[in-house]
Amino acid sequence: MQQRIEQLVQELAEKNEALSASKARVWIELLWSDFESSYAKAGYDYKGSEVTEKVIRQWISSYGDRIHEFVGNNPKYAHLLNVDDDLIQ
């Protein structure tokens, strides 16, 4: 799984030049855990990391170039998603 995350981090960092590699990693790890927990809470059977990877890759393709513009409303993650923190200027 770690290799999959590394690949996704690299893809996001390439798609969004405003993100550093460390910020891209935070995004991928948050998206990964959020997707899997939401999928489980909805009552779906676990389909494996391949499905999670596929969904995140679609999100990177669709939103990756502007994902840093998202402002997190969840206080649990707000400090990780601070758009001024760790952006390449």
Protein backbone atom coordinates (compact mmCIF):
# COMPACT_ATOMS: atom_id res chain seq x y z
CA MET A 1 0.00 0.00 0.00
CA GLN A 2 2.86 2.38 0.78
CA GLN A 3 4.07 2.12 -2.82
CA ARG A 4 0.59 3.06 -4.07
CA ILE A 5 0.50 6.09 -1.80
CA GLU A 6 3.97 7.15 -2.97
CA GLN A 7 2.82 6.97 -6.60
CA LEU A 8 -0.30 9.00 -5.85
CA VAL A 9 1.75 11.60 -3.96
CA GLN A 10 4.04 11.94 -6.97
CA GLU A 11 1.07 12.28 -9.34
CA LEU A 12 -0.56 14.97 -7.21
CA ALA A 13 2.70 16.90 -6.81
CA GLU A 14 3.20 16.81 -10.60
CA LYS A 15 -0.40 17.88 -11.26
CA ASN A 16 -0.31 20.72 -8.72
CA GLU A 17 2.90 22.73 -8.73
CA ALA A 18 1.65 24.83 -5.80
CA LEU A 19 1.98 21.86 -3.43
CA SER A 20 5.19 20.64 -1.91
CA ALA A 21 5.77 16.89 -1.76
CA SER A 22 5.01 16.87 1.96
CA LYS A 23 1.69 18.71 1.48
CA ALA A 24 0.78 16.37 -1.39
CA ARG A 25 1.42 13.45 0.98
CA VAL A 26 -0.93 14.96 3.58
CA TRP A 27 -3.63 15.35 0.93
CA ILE A 28 -3.26 11.78 -0.33
CA GLU A 29 -3.29 10.29 3.16
CA LEU A 30 -6.38 12.33 4.11
CA LEU A 31 -8.19 11.43 0.90
CA TRP A 32 -7.28 7.76 1.34
CA SER A 33 -8.50 7.49 4.92
CA ASP A 34 -11.57 9.64 4.27
CA PHE A 35 -12.65 7.54 1.29
CA GLU A 36 -12.20 4.24 3.08
CA SER A 37 -13.99 5.37 6.24
CA SER A 38 -16.86 6.97 4.31
CA TYR A 39 -17.21 3.86 2.16
CA ALA A 40 -17.38 1.69 5.27
CA LYS A 41 -19.83 4.01 7.07
CA ALA A 42 -22.12 3.82 4.05
CA GLY A 43 -22.27 0.06 4.58
CA TYR A 44 -20.36 -1.04 1.50
CA ASP A 45 -18.15 -4.10 1.60
CA TYR A 46 -14.42 -3.37 1.48
CA LYS A 47 -13.27 -3.70 -2.13
CA GLY A 48 -9.55 -3.36 -1.46
CA SER A 49 -6.89 -0.74 -1.90
CA GLU A 50 -7.18 -1.01 -5.69
CA VAL A 51 -10.59 0.67 -5.58
CA THR A 52 -9.36 3.39 -3.23
CA GLU A 53 -6.36 4.04 -5.47
CA LYS A 54 -8.58 4.24 -8.56
CA VAL A 55 -10.94 6.76 -6.94
CA ILE A 56 -8.11 8.95 -5.66
CA ARG A 57 -6.45 8.87 -9.07
CA GLN A 58 -9.74 10.12 -10.58
CA TRP A 59 -9.86 12.91 -8.00
CA ILE A 60 -6.28 13.90 -8.81
CA SER A 61 -7.18 14.00 -12.48
CA SER A 62 -10.28 16.11 -11.88
CA TYR A 63 -9.30 18.35 -8.98
CA GLY A 64 -5.58 17.92 -8.39
CA ASP A 65 -4.47 21.15 -10.01
CA ARG A 66 -6.60 23.22 -7.64
CA ILE A 67 -6.95 21.01 -4.59
CA HIS A 68 -4.91 23.49 -2.56
CA GLU A 69 -7.76 25.99 -2.95
CA PHE A 70 -9.99 23.83 -0.77
CA VAL A 71 -10.42 25.25 2.71
CA GLY A 72 -11.12 22.55 5.26
CA ASN A 73 -14.09 23.21 7.49
CA ASN A 74 -13.35 20.27 9.76
CA PRO A 75 -11.29 21.52 12.72
CA LYS A 76 -9.70 18.09 12.98
CA TYR A 77 -7.99 18.63 9.61
CA ALA A 78 -7.92 22.41 9.27
CA HIS A 79 -4.35 22.73 10.48
CA LEU A 80 -3.25 20.16 7.90
CA LEU A 81 -5.08 21.87 5.06
CA ASN A 82 -4.00 25.43 5.77
CA VAL A 83 -3.53 26.83 2.26
CA ASP A 84 -0.75 29.23 3.39
CA ASP A 85 1.26 26.47 5.01
CA ASP A 86 3.84 24.68 2.88
CA LEU A 87 2.76 26.04 -0.51
CA ILE A 88 5.37 26.72 -3.12
CA GLN A 89 5.23 30.37 -4.06
